[in-house]
């Protein structure tokens, strides 16, 4: 932006900026009257606040961040669903083993922990492979990271904690179902 006095400007499109301590939209009419008093030939087309102008200039970035958030959430849901499916399948395949363990005296909490441990192992493998990839690829996306560095530790730590939480939630239902297996029915299960 640069300033050119409105009377010296050759352009038909100019803008006037006014600073106010009150509500900017409440100051529209007094500013309009002042401009018309200075020059009645000036046509006033619209009034915009600085906040509206900033929002318009950031529309593309806001859209990109919202899309990225939606795709990130979708990836998180897919990871949780996949983990749930794998653990449900593992419980179905290990029904006899779980029944034998429970017949020999294993408590429900021990069976739940056994399956939760498997989920945490799978999540840990994903995290151990994902964090180095995120660190390595962070420099490629530097221009999209407003206010963040490519190696932002709090963001990476938050992602790790969130993924572990999703793994625990996804594993809880199959683990709870497995801990309630009747040992006699499980031994007959094929």
C-alpha atoms as a PDB file:
ATOM      1  CA  UNK A   1       0.000   0.000   0.000  1.00  0.00           C
ATOM      2  CA  UNK A   2       1.076   3.541  -0.545  1.00  0.00           C
ATOM      3  CA  UNK A   3      -0.547   6.865   0.079  1.00  0.00           C
ATOM      4  CA  UNK A   4      -1.609   9.249  -2.667  1.00  0.00           C
ATOM      5  CA  UNK A   5      -3.825  12.203  -1.775  1.00  0.00           C
ATOM      6  CA  UNK A   6      -7.273  11.503  -3.171  1.00  0.00           C
ATOM      7  CA  UNK A   7      -7.376  14.826  -5.056  1.00  0.00           C
ATOM      8  CA  UNK A   8      -4.072  14.036  -6.834  1.00  0.00           C
ATOM      9  CA  UNK A   9      -4.944  10.451  -7.749  1.00  0.00           C
ATOM     10  CA  UNK A  10      -5.725   9.627 -11.354  1.00  0.00           C
ATOM     11  CA  UNK A  11      -7.239   6.270 -10.503  1.00  0.00           C
ATOM     12  CA  UNK A  12     -10.996   5.931 -10.302  1.00  0.00           C
ATOM     13  CA  UNK A  13     -10.641   3.390  -7.476  1.00  0.00           C
ATOM     14  CA  UNK A  14      -9.245   4.774  -4.244  1.00  0.00           C
ATOM     15  CA  UNK A  15      -9.642   3.932  -0.633  1.00  0.00           C
ATOM     16  CA  UNK A  16      -9.897   6.021   2.472  1.00  0.00           C
ATOM     17  CA  UNK A  17      -8.805   4.561   5.782  1.00  0.00           C
ATOM     18  CA  UNK A  18     -10.168   5.818   9.066  1.00  0.00           C
ATOM     19  CA  UNK A  19      -9.113   4.809  12.558  1.00  0.00           C
ATOM     20  CA  UNK A  20     -11.755   4.801  15.243  1.00  0.00           C
ATOM     21  CA  UNK A  21     -11.916   3.921  18.925  1.00  0.00           C
ATOM     22  CA  UNK A  22     -15.580   2.938  18.684  1.00  0.00           C
ATOM     23  CA  UNK A  23     -17.233   0.181  16.686  1.00  0.00           C
ATOM     24  CA  UNK A  24     -15.931   0.588  13.097  1.00  0.00           C
ATOM     25  CA  UNK A  25     -19.302  -0.186  11.535  1.00  0.00           C
ATOM     26  CA  UNK A  26     -20.953   2.397  13.795  1.00  0.00           C
ATOM     27  CA  UNK A  27     -18.614   5.043  12.374  1.00  0.00           C
ATOM     28  CA  UNK A  28     -19.675   4.485   8.760  1.00  0.00           C
ATOM     29  CA  UNK A  29     -22.215   7.301   8.544  1.00  0.00           C
ATOM     30  CA  UNK A  30     -20.036  10.010  10.174  1.00  0.00           C
ATOM     31  CA  UNK A  31     -17.125   9.090   7.872  1.00  0.00           C
ATOM     32  CA  UNK A  32     -19.445   9.091   4.850  1.00  0.00           C
ATOM     33  CA  UNK A  33     -20.703  12.588   5.771  1.00  0.00           C
ATOM     34  CA  UNK A  34     -17.111  13.868   6.198  1.00  0.00           C
ATOM     35  CA  UNK A  35     -16.091  12.524   2.781  1.00  0.00           C
ATOM     36  CA  UNK A  36     -19.181  13.952   1.085  1.00  0.00           C
ATOM     37  CA  UNK A  37     -18.552  17.302   2.786  1.00  0.00           C
ATOM     38  CA  UNK A  38     -14.960  17.332   1.474  1.00  0.00           C
ATOM     39  CA  UNK A  39     -15.968  16.415  -2.070  1.00  0.00           C
ATOM     40  CA  UNK A  40     -19.560  15.604  -3.114  1.00  0.00           C
ATOM     41  CA  UNK A  41     -18.320  14.020  -6.377  1.00  0.00           C
ATOM     42  CA  UNK A  42     -16.678  11.097  -4.562  1.00  0.00           C
ATOM     43  CA  UNK A  43     -18.692   7.904  -4.979  1.00  0.00           C
ATOM     44  CA  UNK A  44     -18.528   5.610  -1.958  1.00  0.00           C
ATOM     45  CA  UNK A  45     -19.012   1.995  -2.942  1.00  0.00           C
ATOM     46  CA  UNK A  46     -18.332  -0.003   0.217  1.00  0.00           C
ATOM     47  CA  UNK A  47     -17.002   0.113   3.744  1.00  0.00           C
ATOM     48  CA  UNK A  48     -14.788  -2.678   5.041  1.00  0.00           C
ATOM     49  CA  UNK A  49     -13.095  -3.144   8.361  1.00  0.00           C
ATOM     50  CA  UNK A  50      -9.423  -4.011   8.512  1.00  0.00           C
ATOM     51  CA  UNK A  51     -10.400  -7.366   9.971  1.00  0.00           C
ATOM     52  CA  UNK A  52     -12.556  -8.116   6.892  1.00  0.00           C
ATOM     53  CA  UNK A  53      -9.707  -7.157   4.570  1.00  0.00           C
ATOM     54  CA  UNK A  54      -7.272  -9.409   6.435  1.00  0.00           C
ATOM     55  CA  UNK A  55      -9.781 -12.272   6.362  1.00  0.00           C
ATOM     56  CA  UNK A  56     -10.225 -11.856   2.594  1.00  0.00           C
ATOM     57  CA  UNK A  57      -6.498 -11.832   2.018  1.00  0.00           C
ATOM     58  CA  UNK A  58      -6.104 -15.051   4.037  1.00  0.00           C
ATOM     59  CA  UNK A  59      -9.003 -16.941   2.433  1.00  0.00           C
ATOM     60  CA  UNK A  60      -6.749 -19.337   0.534  1.00  0.00           C
ATOM     61  CA  UNK A  61      -4.594 -20.098   3.568  1.00  0.00           C
ATOM     62  CA  UNK A  62      -7.654 -20.598   5.783  1.00  0.00           C
ATOM     63  CA  UNK A  63      -9.198 -22.963   3.234  1.00  0.00           C
ATOM     64  CA  UNK A  64      -5.961 -24.919   2.978  1.00  0.00           C
ATOM     65  CA  UNK A  65      -5.675 -25.192   6.757  1.00  0.00           C
ATOM     66  CA  UNK A  66      -9.295 -26.367   7.064  1.00  0.00           C
ATOM     67  CA  UNK A  67      -8.806 -28.958   4.322  1.00  0.00           C
ATOM     68  CA  UNK A  68      -5.607 -30.149   5.962  1.00  0.00           C
ATOM     69  CA  UNK A  69      -7.421 -30.450   9.286  1.00  0.00           C
ATOM     70  CA  UNK A  70     -10.245 -32.437   7.690  1.00  0.00           C
ATOM     71  CA  UNK A  71      -7.811 -34.798   5.968  1.00  0.00           C
ATOM     72  CA  UNK A  72      -5.813 -35.156   9.192  1.00  0.00           C
ATOM     73  CA  UNK A  73      -8.982 -36.018  11.099  1.00  0.00           C
ATOM     74  CA  UNK A  74      -9.946 -38.478   8.375  1.00  0.00           C
ATOM     75  CA  UNK A  75      -6.513 -40.106   8.618  1.00  0.00           C
ATOM     76  CA  UNK A  76      -6.907 -40.348  12.393  1.00  0.00           C
ATOM     77  CA  UNK A  77     -10.333 -41.982  12.037  1.00  0.00           C
ATOM     78  CA  UNK A  78      -8.972 -44.412   9.434  1.00  0.00           C
ATOM     79  CA  UNK A  79      -6.035 -45.293  11.688  1.00  0.00           C
ATOM     80  CA  UNK A  80      -8.380 -45.907  14.623  1.00  0.00           C
ATOM     81  CA  UNK A  81     -10.776 -47.951  12.481  1.00  0.00           C
ATOM     82  CA  UNK A  82      -7.936 -49.999  11.044  1.00  0.00           C
ATOM     83  CA  UNK A  83      -6.503 -50.674  14.471  1.00  0.00           C
ATOM     84  CA  UNK A  84      -9.939 -51.634  15.755  1.00  0.00           C
ATOM     85  CA  UNK A  85     -10.385 -54.041  12.820  1.00  0.00           C
ATOM     86  CA  UNK A  86      -6.981 -55.642  13.326  1.00  0.00           C
ATOM     87  CA  UNK A  87      -7.561 -56.131  17.039  1.00  0.00           C
ATOM     88  CA  UNK A  88     -11.089 -57.479  16.527  1.00  0.00           C
ATOM     89  CA  UNK A  89      -9.695 -59.987  14.069  1.00  0.00           C
ATOM     90  CA  UNK A  90      -6.892 -60.872  16.500  1.00  0.00           C
ATOM     91  CA  UNK A  91      -9.424 -61.443  19.276  1.00  0.00           C
ATOM     92  CA  UNK A  92     -11.508 -63.670  17.005  1.00  0.00           C
ATOM     93  CA  UNK A  93      -8.445 -65.725  16.036  1.00  0.00           C
ATOM     94  CA  UNK A  94      -7.216 -65.964  19.620  1.00  0.00           C
ATOM     95  CA  UNK A  95     -10.554 -66.845  21.206  1.00  0.00           C
ATOM     96  CA  UNK A  96      -9.399 -70.343  22.192  1.00  0.00           C
ATOM     97  CA  UNK A  97      -6.130 -68.980  23.591  1.00  0.00           C
ATOM     98  CA  UNK A  98      -8.027 -66.365  25.592  1.00  0.00           C
ATOM     99  CA  UNK A  99     -10.433 -69.062  26.833  1.00  0.00           C
ATOM    100  CA  UNK A 100      -7.532 -71.267  27.958  1.00  0.00           C
ATOM    101  CA  UNK A 101      -5.898 -68.335  29.739  1.00  0.00           C
ATOM    102  CA  UNK A 102      -9.148 -67.520  31.512  1.00  0.00           C
ATOM    103  CA  UNK A 103      -9.764 -71.190  32.372  1.00  0.00           C
ATOM    104  CA  UNK A 104      -6.284 -71.289  33.940  1.00  0.00           C
ATOM    105  CA  UNK A 105      -7.116 -68.265  36.098  1.00  0.00           C
ATOM    106  CA  UNK A 106      -6.318 -65.178  34.079  1.00  0.00           C
ATOM    107  CA  UNK A 107      -8.437 -62.255  35.172  1.00  0.00           C
ATOM    108  CA  UNK A 108     -10.301 -59.983  32.748  1.00  0.00           C
ATOM    109  CA  UNK A 109      -7.918 -57.108  33.461  1.00  0.00           C
ATOM    110  CA  UNK A 110      -4.943 -59.272  32.457  1.00  0.00           C
ATOM    111  CA  UNK A 111      -6.609 -60.237  29.181  1.00  0.00           C
ATOM    112  CA  UNK A 112      -7.491 -56.585  28.485  1.00  0.00           C
ATOM    113  CA  UNK A 113      -3.904 -55.505  29.209  1.00  0.00           C
ATOM    114  CA  UNK A 114      -2.549 -58.248  26.902  1.00  0.00           C
ATOM    115  CA  UNK A 115      -4.630 -56.901  24.002  1.00  0.00           C
ATOM    116  CA  UNK A 116      -4.035 -53.240  24.861  1.00  0.00           C
ATOM    117  CA  UNK A 117      -0.314 -53.975  24.901  1.00  0.00           C
ATOM    118  CA  UNK A 118      -0.610 -55.344  21.346  1.00  0.00           C
ATOM    119  CA  UNK A 119      -2.407 -52.156  20.266  1.00  0.00           C
ATOM    120  CA  UNK A 120       0.224 -49.960  21.893  1.00  0.00           C
ATOM    121  CA  UNK A 121       2.948 -51.995  20.180  1.00  0.00           C
ATOM    122  CA  UNK A 122       1.313 -51.421  16.783  1.00  0.00           C
ATOM    123  CA  UNK A 123       0.842 -47.728  17.523  1.00  0.00           C
ATOM    124  CA  UNK A 124       4.429 -47.490  18.760  1.00  0.00           C
ATOM    125  CA  UNK A 125       5.749 -48.981  15.522  1.00  0.00           C
ATOM    126  CA  UNK A 126       3.681 -46.459  13.559  1.00  0.00           C
ATOM    127  CA  UNK A 127       4.892 -43.595  15.727  1.00  0.00           C
ATOM    128  CA  UNK A 128       8.531 -44.661  15.531  1.00  0.00           C
ATOM    129  CA  UNK A 129       8.334 -44.739  11.754  1.00  0.00           C
ATOM    130  CA  UNK A 130       6.083 -41.665  11.398  1.00  0.00           C
ATOM    131  CA  UNK A 131       7.963 -39.151  13.547  1.00  0.00           C
ATOM    132  CA  UNK A 132      11.247 -39.402  11.595  1.00  0.00           C
ATOM    133  CA  UNK A 133       9.280 -39.121   8.338  1.00  0.00           C
ATOM    134  CA  UNK A 134       7.482 -36.049   9.687  1.00  0.00           C
ATOM    135  CA  UNK A 135      10.784 -34.491  10.717  1.00  0.00           C
ATOM    136  CA  UNK A 136      12.345 -35.244   7.342  1.00  0.00           C
ATOM    137  CA  UNK A 137       9.400 -33.974   5.293  1.00  0.00           C
ATOM    138  CA  UNK A 138       8.723 -30.928   7.484  1.00  0.00           C
ATOM    139  CA  UNK A 139      11.117 -28.802   5.450  1.00  0.00           C
ATOM    140  CA  UNK A 140       9.095 -29.476   2.291  1.00  0.00           C
ATOM    141  CA  UNK A 141       6.026 -27.892   3.873  1.00  0.00           C
ATOM    142  CA  UNK A 142       7.749 -24.939   5.521  1.00  0.00           C
ATOM    143  CA  UNK A 143       5.755 -22.397   3.478  1.00  0.00           C
ATOM    144  CA  UNK A 144       2.448 -23.830   4.774  1.00  0.00           C
ATOM    145  CA  UNK A 145       3.455 -23.787   8.443  1.00  0.00           C
ATOM    146  CA  UNK A 146       2.413 -20.365   9.669  1.00  0.00           C
ATOM    147  CA  UNK A 147       3.763 -19.763  13.170  1.00  0.00           C
ATOM    148  CA  UNK A 148       5.399 -23.196  13.360  1.00  0.00           C
ATOM    149  CA  UNK A 149       8.807 -24.548  12.613  1.00  0.00           C
ATOM    150  CA  UNK A 150       9.139 -27.792  10.648  1.00  0.00           C
ATOM    151  CA  UNK A 151      10.427 -29.540  13.789  1.00  0.00           C
ATOM    152  CA  UNK A 152       7.857 -28.141  16.234  1.00  0.00           C
ATOM    153  CA  UNK A 153       8.260 -30.368  19.300  1.00  0.00           C
ATOM    154  CA  UNK A 154       4.924 -29.523  21.002  1.00  0.00           C
ATOM    155  CA  UNK A 155       3.006 -30.316  17.808  1.00  0.00           C
ATOM    156  CA  UNK A 156       4.826 -33.609  17.306  1.00  0.00           C
ATOM    157  CA  UNK A 157       4.376 -34.533  20.979  1.00  0.00           C
ATOM    158  CA  UNK A 158       0.662 -33.695  20.756  1.00  0.00           C
ATOM    159  CA  UNK A 159       0.343 -35.866  17.656  1.00  0.00           C
ATOM    160  CA  UNK A 160       2.044 -38.769  19.394  1.00  0.00           C
ATOM    161  CA  UNK A 161      -0.207 -38.463  22.449  1.00  0.00           C
ATOM    162  CA  UNK A 162      -3.302 -38.194  20.255  1.00  0.00           C
ATOM    163  CA  UNK A 163      -2.327 -41.286  18.263  1.00  0.00           C
ATOM    164  CA  UNK A 164      -1.705 -43.253  21.461  1.00  0.00           C
ATOM    165  CA  UNK A 165      -5.106 -42.163  22.781  1.00  0.00           C
ATOM    166  CA  UNK A 166      -6.798 -43.271  19.552  1.00  0.00           C
ATOM    167  CA  UNK A 167      -4.987 -46.618  19.783  1.00  0.00           C
ATOM    168  CA  UNK A 168      -6.188 -47.170  23.353  1.00  0.00           C
ATOM    169  CA  UNK A 169      -9.782 -46.230  22.478  1.00  0.00           C
ATOM    170  CA  UNK A 170      -9.742 -48.439  19.361  1.00  0.00           C
ATOM    171  CA  UNK A 171      -8.343 -51.369  21.333  1.00  0.00           C
ATOM    172  CA  UNK A 172     -10.614 -51.045  24.337  1.00  0.00           C
ATOM    173  CA  UNK A 173     -13.776 -52.538  22.778  1.00  0.00           C
ATOM    174  CA  UNK A 174     -12.171 -55.740  21.463  1.00  0.00           C
ATOM    175  CA  UNK A 175     -10.165 -56.061  24.694  1.00  0.00           C
ATOM    176  CA  UNK A 176     -13.292 -55.669  26.839  1.00  0.00           C
ATOM    177  CA  UNK A 177     -15.166 -58.183  24.688  1.00  0.00           C
ATOM    178  CA  UNK A 178     -12.286 -60.646  25.005  1.00  0.00           C
ATOM    179  CA  UNK A 179     -12.124 -60.243  28.785  1.00  0.00           C
ATOM    180  CA  UNK A 180     -15.768 -61.297  29.068  1.00  0.00           C
ATOM    181  CA  UNK A 181     -15.340 -64.519  27.076  1.00  0.00           C
ATOM    182  CA  UNK A 182     -16.790 -67.586  28.770  1.00  0.00           C
ATOM    183  CA  UNK A 183     -13.881 -70.075  28.962  1.00  0.00           C
ATOM    184  CA  UNK A 184     -16.095 -73.077  28.175  1.00  0.00           C
ATOM    185  CA  UNK A 185     -17.542 -71.474  25.049  1.00  0.00           C
ATOM    186  CA  UNK A 186     -14.111 -70.247  24.004  1.00  0.00           C
ATOM    187  CA  UNK A 187     -12.643 -73.751  24.244  1.00  0.00           C
ATOM    188  CA  UNK A 188     -15.405 -75.063  21.949  1.00  0.00           C
ATOM    189  CA  UNK A 189     -14.933 -72.146  19.521  1.00  0.00           C
ATOM    190  CA  UNK A 190     -13.413 -72.967  16.173  1.00  0.00           C
END
